[in-house]
Amino acid sequence: MIRPGAHPTTIETGATRSYSHNASARAGAQDSSLPPVNGHRNVSTDAKSAAAGNAANGPNRRRRQPHGPGVATGINANGAEKPYTSARLNAVRNSTLSNRPAIPPQAPQDKGKLTVVLDVDETLIHSRLSAHQEQFRQAEERKEATVAVEEFTITLADGEIVRVNKRPGLDKFLAYASEHYELFAYTAGLEEYARPLLDWLDPKGTIFRGRLYRDSCLFMRGYYLKDLQKFERPLSRVLLVDNNAFCFLPQLSNGVPISSWYDDPNDTALSVLATFLERIRDEKDVRPFLRKSFNLETLLREHREQIVG
């Protein structure tokens, strides 16, 4: 459950947590496990590796943790929070700018709504792919054997069939969230895979205000990170829901971790998430509440130093 001040927590059901320390990348990638941050045993690194199916990116390698204090988000002279940045982060942003067009400001009908950015794989759905299909999504450690749960299939442009499990309560959650929030889908999966999948979930194009794919991610040290700076909105009113802690690294104060889902028919995490969003929907700045709830800036500080700089 969501408990403000918990240290740490995640959107979860029962005793199932998404944050486990076993971050080895499958599908041919080398091990990329990272040790716990500051000794906290419940911290997730559940890192989605960029290595599988993409030889140009190269395999992940084990890296030694840096030591010393992290660079926390600061406050400028007028009291406003300054976004986290680094020379490495800015260099990657600049090098990929042409592939990552900014999301324009809110449309009039969404003005003032909280912007909720949703991961796709293992957050909303679980794709049951064959071995030669793994390149469609980024590699990560996943449950090896899964069963069908409210399954649907999509056909890719090359004729490949992908079987997809829907997380329990997904339709209800998307209907609710698209009414009360400005909703986006943001995935590190390839567009050729994720677009038909999202078309199935949102056939009329009324749920998501926009969709972002792998080329909208920052590729850093073997991982795809999701950068909320590309949204032309105050970060005080934007949050990212993801089962992968590393995706939050550019903006740790905006992250809402959710448990990874594969095929549990009794999962209720989306219902818990809806309740959590309702609690914070009118906050002028969601970041203090998210920091108090999840403490990601402390728990992932060393990982951010290592990967983002």
Protein backbone atom coordinates (compact mmCIF):
# COMPACT_ATOMS: atom_id res chain seq x y z
CA MET A 1 0.00 0.00 0.00
CA ILE A 2 0.99 3.64 -0.27
CA ARG A 3 2.21 4.98 3.04
CA PRO A 4 3.59 8.55 3.15
CA GLY A 5 6.99 8.48 4.77
CA ALA A 6 7.54 4.76 4.22
CA HIS A 7 11.19 3.91 3.70
CA PRO A 8 10.99 2.66 1.05
CA THR A 9 7.72 1.63 -0.56
CA THR A 10 6.11 1.17 -3.93
CA ILE A 11 2.66 0.79 -5.44
CA GLU A 12 2.18 -2.86 -4.61
CA THR A 13 -0.26 -5.53 -3.55
CA GLY A 14 0.17 -7.85 -0.63
CA ALA A 15 3.82 -8.55 0.08
CA THR A 16 4.88 -8.34 -3.56
CA ARG A 17 7.43 -5.62 -4.22
CA SER A 18 8.96 -4.61 -7.49
CA TYR A 19 12.28 -3.62 -6.00
CA SER A 20 14.47 -6.68 -5.53
CA HIS A 21 18.17 -6.10 -6.36
CA ASN A 22 18.29 -8.78 -9.06
CA ALA A 23 18.90 -6.69 -12.14
CA SER A 24 20.67 -9.10 -14.44
CA ALA A 25 19.76 -8.52 -18.07
CA ARG A 26 18.44 -11.45 -20.04
CA ALA A 27 18.26 -12.12 -23.78
CA GLY A 28 21.99 -12.35 -24.31
CA ALA A 29 23.03 -9.34 -22.26
CA GLN A 30 25.74 -9.72 -19.66
CA ASP A 31 24.98 -9.36 -15.97
CA SER A 32 24.36 -5.75 -14.95
CA SER A 33 23.46 -6.21 -11.28
CA LEU A 34 24.12 -3.25 -9.05
CA PRO A 35 24.52 -3.48 -5.28
CA PRO A 36 21.98 -1.98 -2.88
CA VAL A 37 22.07 1.76 -2.43
CA ASN A 38 23.12 2.78 1.08
CA GLY A 39 22.37 -0.73 2.30
CA HIS A 40 18.59 -0.47 1.98
CA ARG A 41 17.44 -3.99 1.23
CA ASN A 42 14.12 -3.16 -0.45
CA VAL A 43 15.47 -0.82 -3.09
CA SER A 44 14.73 -1.86 -6.65
CA THR A 45 17.25 -1.70 -9.38
CA ASP A 46 14.98 -3.85 -11.63
CA ALA A 47 17.00 -2.27 -14.40
CA LYS A 48 15.79 -2.71 -17.96
CA SER A 49 18.95 -3.22 -19.98
CA ALA A 50 19.35 -1.74 -23.40
CA ALA A 51 21.58 -4.51 -24.65
CA ALA A 52 19.22 -7.17 -25.99
CA GLY A 53 18.73 -7.21 -29.72
CA ASN A 54 20.81 -4.09 -30.23
CA ALA A 55 24.40 -4.96 -30.97
CA ALA A 56 25.37 -1.35 -31.55
CA ASN A 57 24.66 -0.56 -27.93
CA GLY A 58 26.93 -3.29 -26.62
CA PRO A 59 26.41 -5.48 -23.54
CA ASN A 60 26.00 -4.15 -20.04
CA ARG A 61 28.94 -4.56 -17.73
CA ARG A 62 29.18 -4.69 -13.98
CA ARG A 63 30.27 -1.31 -12.63
CA ARG A 64 31.67 -0.32 -9.29
CA GLN A 65 29.57 2.05 -7.20
CA PRO A 66 30.93 5.54 -6.71
CA HIS A 67 31.15 6.90 -3.18
CA GLY A 68 30.50 10.25 -1.63
CA PRO A 69 27.43 12.47 -1.48
CA GLY A 70 25.07 12.70 -4.41
CA VAL A 71 24.02 15.93 -6.11
CA ALA A 72 20.52 16.60 -4.84
CA THR A 73 17.97 18.83 -6.47
CA GLY A 74 18.61 22.41 -5.34
CA ILE A 75 16.55 25.51 -4.68
CA ASN A 76 17.22 28.71 -6.59
CA ALA A 77 17.09 32.28 -5.31
CA ASN A 78 13.32 32.69 -5.69
CA GLY A 79 12.57 29.45 -3.87
CA ALA A 80 11.78 27.36 -6.94
CA GLU A 81 13.18 23.86 -7.22
CA LYS A 82 15.95 23.45 -9.80
CA PRO A 83 15.86 20.34 -12.01
CA TYR A 84 18.73 17.90 -11.56
CA THR A 85 21.33 18.09 -14.28
CA SER A 86 24.90 17.07 -15.10
CA ALA A 87 27.33 17.57 -17.96
CA ARG A 88 26.84 13.95 -19.03
CA LEU A 89 23.07 14.25 -18.94
CA ASN A 90 23.08 17.46 -20.95
CA ALA A 91 25.44 15.97 -23.52
CA VAL A 92 23.12 13.02 -24.10
CA ARG A 93 20.10 15.29 -24.28
CA ASN A 94 21.78 17.45 -26.89
CA SER A 95 23.02 14.52 -28.93
CA THR A 96 19.55 12.98 -29.23
CA LEU A 97 17.52 16.16 -29.49
CA SER A 98 16.60 15.63 -33.15
CA ASN A 99 14.98 12.28 -32.30
CA ARG A 100 13.12 13.57 -29.29
CA PRO A 101 10.71 16.38 -30.14
CA ALA A 102 9.28 18.17 -27.13
CA ILE A 103 5.69 17.56 -26.07
CA PRO A 104 3.85 20.88 -26.54
CA PRO A 105 2.04 22.60 -23.66
CA GLN A 106 -1.30 21.35 -22.40
CA ALA A 107 -4.32 21.68 -24.65
CA PRO A 108 -7.11 23.95 -23.31
CA GLN A 109 -9.26 20.97 -22.27
CA ASP A 110 -6.41 19.65 -20.10
CA LYS A 111 -5.26 22.93 -18.60
CA GLY A 112 -4.43 22.50 -14.94
CA LYS A 113 -4.64 18.70 -14.94
CA LEU A 114 -1.89 16.62 -13.39
CA THR A 115 0.25 15.06 -16.11
CA VAL A 116 0.57 11.29 -15.52
CA VAL A 117 3.15 9.46 -17.64
CA LEU A 118 2.72 5.67 -17.73
CA ASP A 119 5.26 3.00 -18.55
CA VAL A 120 3.84 0.12 -20.62
CA ASP A 121 5.69 -3.22 -20.22
CA GLU A 122 5.12 -4.84 -16.79
CA THR A 123 3.27 -1.69 -15.65
CA LEU A 124 0.12 -1.86 -17.79
CA ILE A 125 0.66 -5.14 -19.65
CA HIS A 126 3.02 -8.08 -20.03
CA SER A 127 3.94 -9.22 -23.52
CA ARG A 128 4.51 -12.93 -23.96
CA LEU A 129 7.17 -12.86 -26.66
CA SER A 130 9.11 -15.61 -28.35
CA ALA A 131 12.90 -15.56 -28.08
CA HIS A 132 13.44 -13.90 -31.48
CA GLN A 133 10.96 -11.12 -30.60
CA GLU A 134 12.83 -9.87 -27.55
CA GLN A 135 14.49 -7.05 -29.46
CA PHE A 136 11.15 -5.25 -29.56
CA ARG A 137 11.46 -4.26 -25.91
CA GLN A 138 14.45 -3.54 -23.71
CA ALA A 139 15.96 -6.44 -21.86
CA GLU A 140 15.34 -6.97 -18.17
CA GLU A 141 14.91 -9.84 -15.80
CA ARG A 142 11.37 -11.15 -16.28
CA LYS A 143 9.41 -14.09 -15.00
CA GLU A 144 10.42 -16.97 -17.26
CA ALA A 145 7.09 -18.80 -17.56
CA THR A 146 3.81 -16.92 -17.64
CA VAL A 147 0.24 -17.94 -18.34
CA ALA A 148 -2.45 -16.09 -20.27
CA VAL A 149 -4.42 -13.50 -18.28
CA GLU A 150 -7.10 -11.59 -20.22
CA GLU A 151 -4.90 -12.08 -23.24
CA PHE A 152 -5.11 -10.29 -26.56
CA THR A 153 -2.87 -10.52 -29.61
CA ILE A 154 -1.42 -7.93 -31.93
CA THR A 155 0.12 -8.40 -35.36
CA LEU A 156 3.23 -6.38 -36.17
CA ALA A 157 4.02 -4.95 -39.60
CA ASP A 158 6.32 -7.89 -40.37
CA GLY A 159 3.55 -10.38 -39.59
CA GLU A 160 4.88 -11.34 -36.15
CA ILE A 161 2.20 -12.20 -33.59
CA VAL A 162 2.61 -10.86 -30.04
CA ARG A 163 0.53 -12.20 -27.15
CA VAL A 164 -0.26 -9.66 -24.46
CA ASN A 165 -1.59 -10.03 -20.91
CA LYS A 166 -3.62 -7.14 -19.53
CA ARG A 167 -3.00 -6.17 -15.93
CA PRO A 168 -6.17 -6.67 -13.87
CA GLY A 169 -8.29 -3.52 -13.78
CA LEU A 170 -6.49 -1.94 -16.74
CA ASP A 171 -9.54 -0.87 -18.72
CA LYS A 172 -11.18 0.65 -15.65
CA PHE A 173 -8.00 2.43 -14.67
CA LEU A 174 -7.39 3.91 -18.12
CA ALA A 175 -10.99 5.11 -18.38
CA TYR A 176 -10.71 6.82 -15.00
CA ALA A 177 -7.22 8.23 -15.49
CA SER A 178 -7.87 9.62 -18.98
CA GLU A 179 -10.86 11.54 -17.62
CA HIS A 180 -9.12 13.12 -14.63
CA TYR A 181 -5.50 13.45 -15.76
CA GLU A 182 -3.46 14.34 -18.81
CA LEU A 183 -2.24 10.86 -19.71
CA PHE A 184 0.83 9.83 -21.72
CA ALA A 185 2.39 6.46 -22.54
CA TYR A 186 6.20 6.35 -22.37
CA THR A 187 7.97 3.11 -23.25
CA ALA A 188 11.52 2.02 -24.01
CA GLY A 189 10.08 -0.49 -26.46
CA LEU A 190 10.50 -0.03 -30.18
CA GLU A 191 7.75 1.94 -31.88
CA GLU A 192 7.07 -0.89 -34.34
CA TYR A 193 6.11 -3.05 -31.35
CA ALA A 194 4.55 -0.51 -28.98
CA ARG A 195 2.41 1.44 -31.46
CA PRO A 196 0.09 -1.45 -32.44
CA LEU A 197 -0.06 -2.47 -28.78
CA LEU A 198 -1.16 1.01 -27.72
CA ASP A 199 -3.55 1.17 -30.68
CA TRP A 200 -5.25 -1.91 -29.22
CA LEU A 201 -5.49 -0.31 -25.76
CA ASP A 202 -6.55 3.07 -27.14
CA PRO A 203 -8.25 2.41 -30.51
CA LYS A 204 -9.98 5.80 -30.67
CA GLY A 205 -6.96 7.79 -29.55
CA THR A 206 -8.86 9.30 -26.64
CA ILE A 207 -6.95 7.85 -23.69
CA PHE A 208 -3.36 8.99 -24.26
CA ARG A 209 -2.57 12.57 -25.20
CA GLY A 210 0.70 11.33 -26.64
CA ARG A 211 2.96 8.31 -26.95
CA LEU A 212 6.71 8.19 -26.52
CA TYR A 213 8.91 5.30 -27.63
CA ARG A 214 12.54 4.20 -27.37
CA ASP A 215 13.85 7.11 -29.41
CA SER A 216 12.42 9.45 -26.77
CA CYS A 217 14.57 7.86 -24.05
CA LEU A 218 18.06 8.82 -22.92
CA PHE A 219 20.53 5.98 -23.52
CA MET A 220 23.13 6.19 -20.75
CA ARG A 221 25.61 3.57 -19.57
CA GLY A 222 23.59 0.75 -21.10
CA TYR A 223 20.16 1.82 -19.85
CA TYR A 224 17.19 3.64 -21.33
CA LEU A 225 16.11 6.48 -19.02
CA LYS A 226 12.91 8.49 -19.33
CA ASP A 227 13.35 12.24 -19.37
CA LEU A 228 10.38 14.32 -18.22
CA GLN A 229 12.16 17.50 -19.28
CA LYS A 230 10.85 16.87 -22.79
CA PHE A 231 7.36 17.73 -21.56
CA GLU A 232 6.76 21.47 -21.81
CA ARG A 233 5.13 21.61 -18.39
CA PRO A 234 6.26 22.53 -14.89
CA LEU A 235 7.82 19.44 -13.33
CA SER A 236 5.84 20.25 -10.20
CA ARG A 237 2.78 18.83 -11.98
CA VAL A 238 4.26 15.82 -13.78
CA LEU A 239 4.87 12.28 -12.52
CA LEU A 240 6.12 9.03 -14.06
CA VAL A 241 4.72 5.63 -13.07
CA ASP A 242 7.17 2.81 -13.82
CA ASN A 243 8.21 -0.61 -12.54
CA ASN A 244 11.84 0.19 -13.38
CA ALA A 245 13.65 2.40 -10.87
CA PHE A 246 16.39 3.43 -13.30
CA CYS A 247 13.86 5.13 -15.58
CA PHE A 248 13.39 7.76 -12.85
CA LEU A 249 17.06 8.78 -12.67
CA PRO A 250 16.80 12.11 -14.55
CA GLN A 251 13.93 13.22 -12.26
CA LEU A 252 13.87 11.12 -9.09
CA SER A 253 11.46 13.51 -7.37
CA ASN A 254 8.80 12.74 -9.99
CA GLY A 255 8.86 8.94 -9.81
CA VAL A 256 6.04 6.67 -8.65
CA PRO A 257 7.33 3.06 -8.50
CA ILE A 258 4.86 0.27 -9.17
CA SER A 259 5.34 -3.49 -8.81
CA SER A 260 6.23 -5.47 -11.92
CA TRP A 261 3.29 -7.51 -13.21
CA TYR A 262 3.29 -10.65 -15.37
CA ASP A 263 0.27 -12.90 -14.85
CA ASP A 264 -1.15 -12.59 -11.33
CA PRO A 265 -4.95 -12.48 -11.81
CA ASN A 266 -5.43 -11.14 -8.28
CA ASP A 267 -3.19 -8.10 -8.68
CA THR A 268 -4.79 -4.81 -7.52
CA ALA A 269 -1.92 -2.38 -8.04
CA LEU A 270 -3.80 -0.24 -10.59
CA SER A 271 -6.64 0.25 -8.12
CA VAL A 272 -4.11 1.30 -5.49
CA LEU A 273 -2.49 3.63 -8.01
CA ALA A 274 -5.85 5.26 -8.81
CA THR A 275 -6.38 5.97 -5.12
CA PHE A 276 -2.88 7.38 -4.79
CA LEU A 277 -3.34 9.69 -7.79
CA GLU A 278 -6.63 10.91 -6.38
CA ARG A 279 -4.81 11.86 -3.19
CA ILE A 280 -2.27 14.07 -4.96
CA ARG A 281 -4.19 15.32 -8.00
CA ASP A 282 -4.68 18.83 -6.58
CA GLU A 283 -1.22 19.27 -5.07
CA LYS A 284 0.45 22.42 -6.43
CA ASP A 285 3.74 20.55 -6.38
CA VAL A 286 3.64 16.73 -6.24
CA ARG A 287 7.39 16.33 -5.70
CA PRO A 288 7.53 16.89 -1.91
CA PHE A 289 4.78 14.29 -1.45
CA LEU A 290 6.49 11.80 -3.76
CA ARG A 291 9.83 12.30 -2.01
CA LYS A 292 8.19 11.66 1.35
CA SER A 293 6.37 8.59 0.03
CA PHE A 294 9.22 6.90 -1.88
CA ASN A 295 12.50 8.58 -0.89
CA LEU A 296 14.00 7.84 -4.31
CA GLU A 297 16.49 10.71 -4.26
CA THR A 298 18.20 9.11 -1.28
CA LEU A 299 17.80 5.46 -2.21
CA LEU A 300 18.99 5.86 -5.82
CA ARG A 301 21.46 8.68 -5.33
CA GLU A 302 24.55 6.56 -5.97
CA HIS A 303 22.98 4.87 -8.98
CA ARG A 304 22.25 8.29 -10.45
CA GLU A 305 25.82 9.40 -9.85
CA GLN A 306 27.09 6.29 -11.56
CA ILE A 307 24.81 6.38 -14.61
CA VAL A 308 23.76 10.01 -15.08
CA GLY A 309 26.75 11.78 -13.57
